[in-house]
Amino acid sequence: MNRSPALIKRSDWAREKDQWVGRFEGGAVGTDVTVLFFSSDRVGSGPKLHLHPYDELFIIRQGRARFTVGDRSFEAEAGQIVFGPADVPHKFENLGPGRLETTDIHLNDRFIQTDLEG
């Protein structure tokens, strides 16, 4: 595959103008990485239990979160990285106080998710 450098504009991935919330799928530029941005001020907010058929890395940029990955549960804070292996159920929630921001790196060219909770 012939790939070229690319600049991805914020308007191409961001769902909100003033927060880091949205998704970029790497297949659009020929790479095997998809990036999700999560941001919320609401304590308790975060994705419900789900899984992906590929590995995922969570970079905690701001705040604190409780992660459940498989049968493990732990707190993570700004500056830490959490690894979620492929096909292992996981979720996280903002512990507060304040904003939780994560950059979630999905090792796949597109976003695939199976929700396990409503």
C-alpha atoms as a PDB file:
ATOM      1  CA  MET A   1       0.000   0.000   0.000  1.00  0.00           C
ATOM      2  CA  ASN A   2       1.322   3.428  -0.911  1.00  0.00           C
ATOM      3  CA  ARG A   3       0.801   5.813   1.999  1.00  0.00           C
ATOM      4  CA  SER A   4       1.385   9.550   2.127  1.00  0.00           C
ATOM      5  CA  PRO A   5       1.767  11.937   5.036  1.00  0.00           C
ATOM      6  CA  ALA A   6      -1.549  13.442   6.106  1.00  0.00           C
ATOM      7  CA  LEU A   7      -2.866  16.245   8.280  1.00  0.00           C
ATOM      8  CA  ILE A   8      -6.138  15.364   9.990  1.00  0.00           C
ATOM      9  CA  LYS A   9      -8.166  18.470  10.797  1.00  0.00           C
ATOM     10  CA  ARG A  10      -9.945  18.781  14.128  1.00  0.00           C
ATOM     11  CA  SER A  11     -13.230  19.175  12.260  1.00  0.00           C
ATOM     12  CA  ASP A  12     -12.656  15.683  10.796  1.00  0.00           C
ATOM     13  CA  TRP A  13     -12.652  13.907  14.182  1.00  0.00           C
ATOM     14  CA  ALA A  14     -13.952  16.178  16.974  1.00  0.00           C
ATOM     15  CA  ARG A  15     -17.568  15.899  18.134  1.00  0.00           C
ATOM     16  CA  GLU A  16     -17.319  19.023  20.317  1.00  0.00           C
ATOM     17  CA  LYS A  17     -15.705  22.322  19.500  1.00  0.00           C
ATOM     18  CA  ASP A  18     -14.204  23.058  22.926  1.00  0.00           C
ATOM     19  CA  GLN A  19     -13.378  19.565  24.288  1.00  0.00           C
ATOM     20  CA  TRP A  20     -11.250  16.608  23.257  1.00  0.00           C
ATOM     21  CA  VAL A  21     -14.156  14.314  22.378  1.00  0.00           C
ATOM     22  CA  GLY A  22     -14.305  12.294  19.190  1.00  0.00           C
ATOM     23  CA  ARG A  23     -12.676   9.599  17.109  1.00  0.00           C
ATOM     24  CA  PHE A  24     -10.264   9.189  14.215  1.00  0.00           C
ATOM     25  CA  GLU A  25     -10.138   5.879  12.334  1.00  0.00           C
ATOM     26  CA  GLY A  26      -6.696   5.117  10.933  1.00  0.00           C
ATOM     27  CA  GLY A  27      -7.989   3.311   7.868  1.00  0.00           C
ATOM     28  CA  ALA A  28      -8.753   6.747   6.413  1.00  0.00           C
ATOM     29  CA  VAL A  29      -5.011   7.322   5.948  1.00  0.00           C
ATOM     30  CA  GLY A  30      -3.862   3.703   5.669  1.00  0.00           C
ATOM     31  CA  THR A  31      -2.646   3.049   9.212  1.00  0.00           C
ATOM     32  CA  ASP A  32      -3.627   0.349  11.698  1.00  0.00           C
ATOM     33  CA  VAL A  33      -4.347   2.705  14.623  1.00  0.00           C
ATOM     34  CA  THR A  34      -7.643   4.303  15.621  1.00  0.00           C
ATOM     35  CA  VAL A  35      -7.694   7.053  18.264  1.00  0.00           C
ATOM     36  CA  LEU A  36     -10.590   7.972  20.552  1.00  0.00           C
ATOM     37  CA  PHE A  37     -10.693  11.059  22.740  1.00  0.00           C
ATOM     38  CA  PHE A  38     -12.792  11.036  25.925  1.00  0.00           C
ATOM     39  CA  SER A  39     -13.485  14.034  28.148  1.00  0.00           C
ATOM     40  CA  SER A  40     -16.065  14.548  30.894  1.00  0.00           C
ATOM     41  CA  ASP A  41     -16.484  16.645  34.039  1.00  0.00           C
ATOM     42  CA  ARG A  42     -19.240  14.365  35.363  1.00  0.00           C
ATOM     43  CA  VAL A  43     -18.195  11.996  38.149  1.00  0.00           C
ATOM     44  CA  GLY A  44     -19.217   8.439  37.267  1.00  0.00           C
ATOM     45  CA  SER A  45     -19.189   9.041  33.514  1.00  0.00           C
ATOM     46  CA  GLY A  46     -17.421   6.656  31.183  1.00  0.00           C
ATOM     47  CA  PRO A  47     -18.108   3.782  28.836  1.00  0.00           C
ATOM     48  CA  LYS A  48     -20.091   0.751  29.992  1.00  0.00           C
ATOM     49  CA  LEU A  49     -18.539  -2.724  29.961  1.00  0.00           C
ATOM     50  CA  HIS A  50     -17.473  -3.675  26.436  1.00  0.00           C
ATOM     51  CA  LEU A  51     -14.684  -5.351  24.468  1.00  0.00           C
ATOM     52  CA  HIS A  52     -12.733  -5.031  21.229  1.00  0.00           C
ATOM     53  CA  PRO A  53     -11.123  -7.747  19.073  1.00  0.00           C
ATOM     54  CA  TYR A  54      -7.780  -5.876  19.329  1.00  0.00           C
ATOM     55  CA  ASP A  55      -5.547  -4.364  22.032  1.00  0.00           C
ATOM     56  CA  GLU A  56      -6.221  -0.898  23.447  1.00  0.00           C
ATOM     57  CA  LEU A  57      -4.102   1.606  25.389  1.00  0.00           C
ATOM     58  CA  PHE A  58      -5.648   4.313  27.574  1.00  0.00           C
ATOM     59  CA  ILE A  59      -3.517   7.400  28.206  1.00  0.00           C
ATOM     60  CA  ILE A  60      -4.895   9.336  31.181  1.00  0.00           C
ATOM     61  CA  ARG A  61      -4.194  12.965  30.317  1.00  0.00           C
ATOM     62  CA  GLN A  62      -6.148  14.590  33.144  1.00  0.00           C
ATOM     63  CA  GLY A  63      -8.056  13.450  36.225  1.00  0.00           C
ATOM     64  CA  ARG A  64      -8.600  10.071  37.879  1.00  0.00           C
ATOM     65  CA  ALA A  65     -10.519   6.997  36.756  1.00  0.00           C
ATOM     66  CA  ARG A  66     -11.465   3.575  38.043  1.00  0.00           C
ATOM     67  CA  PHE A  67     -10.711   0.957  35.408  1.00  0.00           C
ATOM     68  CA  THR A  68     -12.085  -2.550  35.290  1.00  0.00           C
ATOM     69  CA  VAL A  69     -10.147  -4.765  32.877  1.00  0.00           C
ATOM     70  CA  GLY A  70     -11.114  -8.414  33.017  1.00  0.00           C
ATOM     71  CA  ASP A  71     -11.123  -9.425  36.686  1.00  0.00           C
ATOM     72  CA  ARG A  72      -8.877  -6.532  37.767  1.00  0.00           C
ATOM     73  CA  SER A  73     -10.031  -3.159  39.073  1.00  0.00           C
ATOM     74  CA  PHE A  74      -7.686  -0.266  39.808  1.00  0.00           C
ATOM     75  CA  GLU A  75      -7.428   3.509  39.896  1.00  0.00           C
ATOM     76  CA  ALA A  76      -5.386   5.393  37.320  1.00  0.00           C
ATOM     77  CA  GLU A  77      -4.489   9.068  37.229  1.00  0.00           C
ATOM     78  CA  ALA A  78      -3.006  11.674  34.896  1.00  0.00           C
ATOM     79  CA  GLY A  79       0.297  10.531  33.452  1.00  0.00           C
ATOM     80  CA  GLN A  80      -0.462   6.815  33.691  1.00  0.00           C
ATOM     81  CA  ILE A  81      -1.290   4.377  30.893  1.00  0.00           C
ATOM     82  CA  VAL A  82      -3.631   1.378  31.116  1.00  0.00           C
ATOM     83  CA  PHE A  83      -3.358  -1.613  28.773  1.00  0.00           C
ATOM     84  CA  GLY A  84      -6.488  -3.529  27.769  1.00  0.00           C
ATOM     85  CA  PRO A  85      -5.799  -6.783  25.891  1.00  0.00           C
ATOM     86  CA  ALA A  86      -7.923  -7.880  22.933  1.00  0.00           C
ATOM     87  CA  ASP A  87     -11.206  -9.629  23.774  1.00  0.00           C
ATOM     88  CA  VAL A  88     -11.015  -8.733  27.494  1.00  0.00           C
ATOM     89  CA  PRO A  89     -14.102  -6.865  28.829  1.00  0.00           C
ATOM     90  CA  HIS A  90     -13.302  -3.426  30.215  1.00  0.00           C
ATOM     91  CA  LYS A  91     -14.775  -0.107  31.316  1.00  0.00           C
ATOM     92  CA  PHE A  92     -13.780   3.015  33.221  1.00  0.00           C
ATOM     93  CA  GLU A  93     -15.428   5.835  35.123  1.00  0.00           C
ATOM     94  CA  ASN A  94     -14.446   9.339  36.161  1.00  0.00           C
ATOM     95  CA  LEU A  95     -13.646   9.406  39.890  1.00  0.00           C
ATOM     96  CA  GLY A  96     -13.404  13.203  40.051  1.00  0.00           C
ATOM     97  CA  PRO A  97     -13.077  15.726  41.254  1.00  0.00           C
ATOM     98  CA  GLY A  98     -13.090  17.532  37.947  1.00  0.00           C
ATOM     99  CA  ARG A  99     -12.467  16.532  34.380  1.00  0.00           C
ATOM    100  CA  LEU A 100     -11.274  13.158  33.167  1.00  0.00           C
ATOM    101  CA  GLU A 101      -9.528  13.200  29.792  1.00  0.00           C
ATOM    102  CA  THR A 102      -8.189  10.111  28.071  1.00  0.00           C
ATOM    103  CA  THR A 103      -6.676   9.388  24.703  1.00  0.00           C
ATOM    104  CA  ASP A 104      -7.530   5.798  23.792  1.00  0.00           C
ATOM    105  CA  ILE A 105      -5.379   4.080  21.187  1.00  0.00           C
ATOM    106  CA  HIS A 106      -7.075   1.170  19.424  1.00  0.00           C
ATOM    107  CA  LEU A 107      -4.644  -1.066  17.551  1.00  0.00           C
ATOM    108  CA  ASN A 108      -6.872  -1.463  14.512  1.00  0.00           C
ATOM    109  CA  ASP A 109      -7.626   0.548  11.389  1.00  0.00           C
ATOM    110  CA  ARG A 110     -11.282   0.964  12.397  1.00  0.00           C
ATOM    111  CA  PHE A 111     -13.329   1.086  15.567  1.00  0.00           C
ATOM    112  CA  ILE A 112     -15.053  -2.194  16.513  1.00  0.00           C
ATOM    113  CA  GLN A 113     -16.848  -2.578  19.842  1.00  0.00           C
ATOM    114  CA  THR A 114     -19.148  -5.167  21.403  1.00  0.00           C
ATOM    115  CA  ASP A 115     -21.203  -3.715  24.267  1.00  0.00           C
ATOM    116  CA  LEU A 116     -21.772  -6.068  27.203  1.00  0.00           C
ATOM    117  CA  GLU A 117     -23.907  -3.682  29.316  1.00  0.00           C
ATOM    118  CA  GLY A 118     -26.841  -1.483  28.342  1.00  0.00           C
END
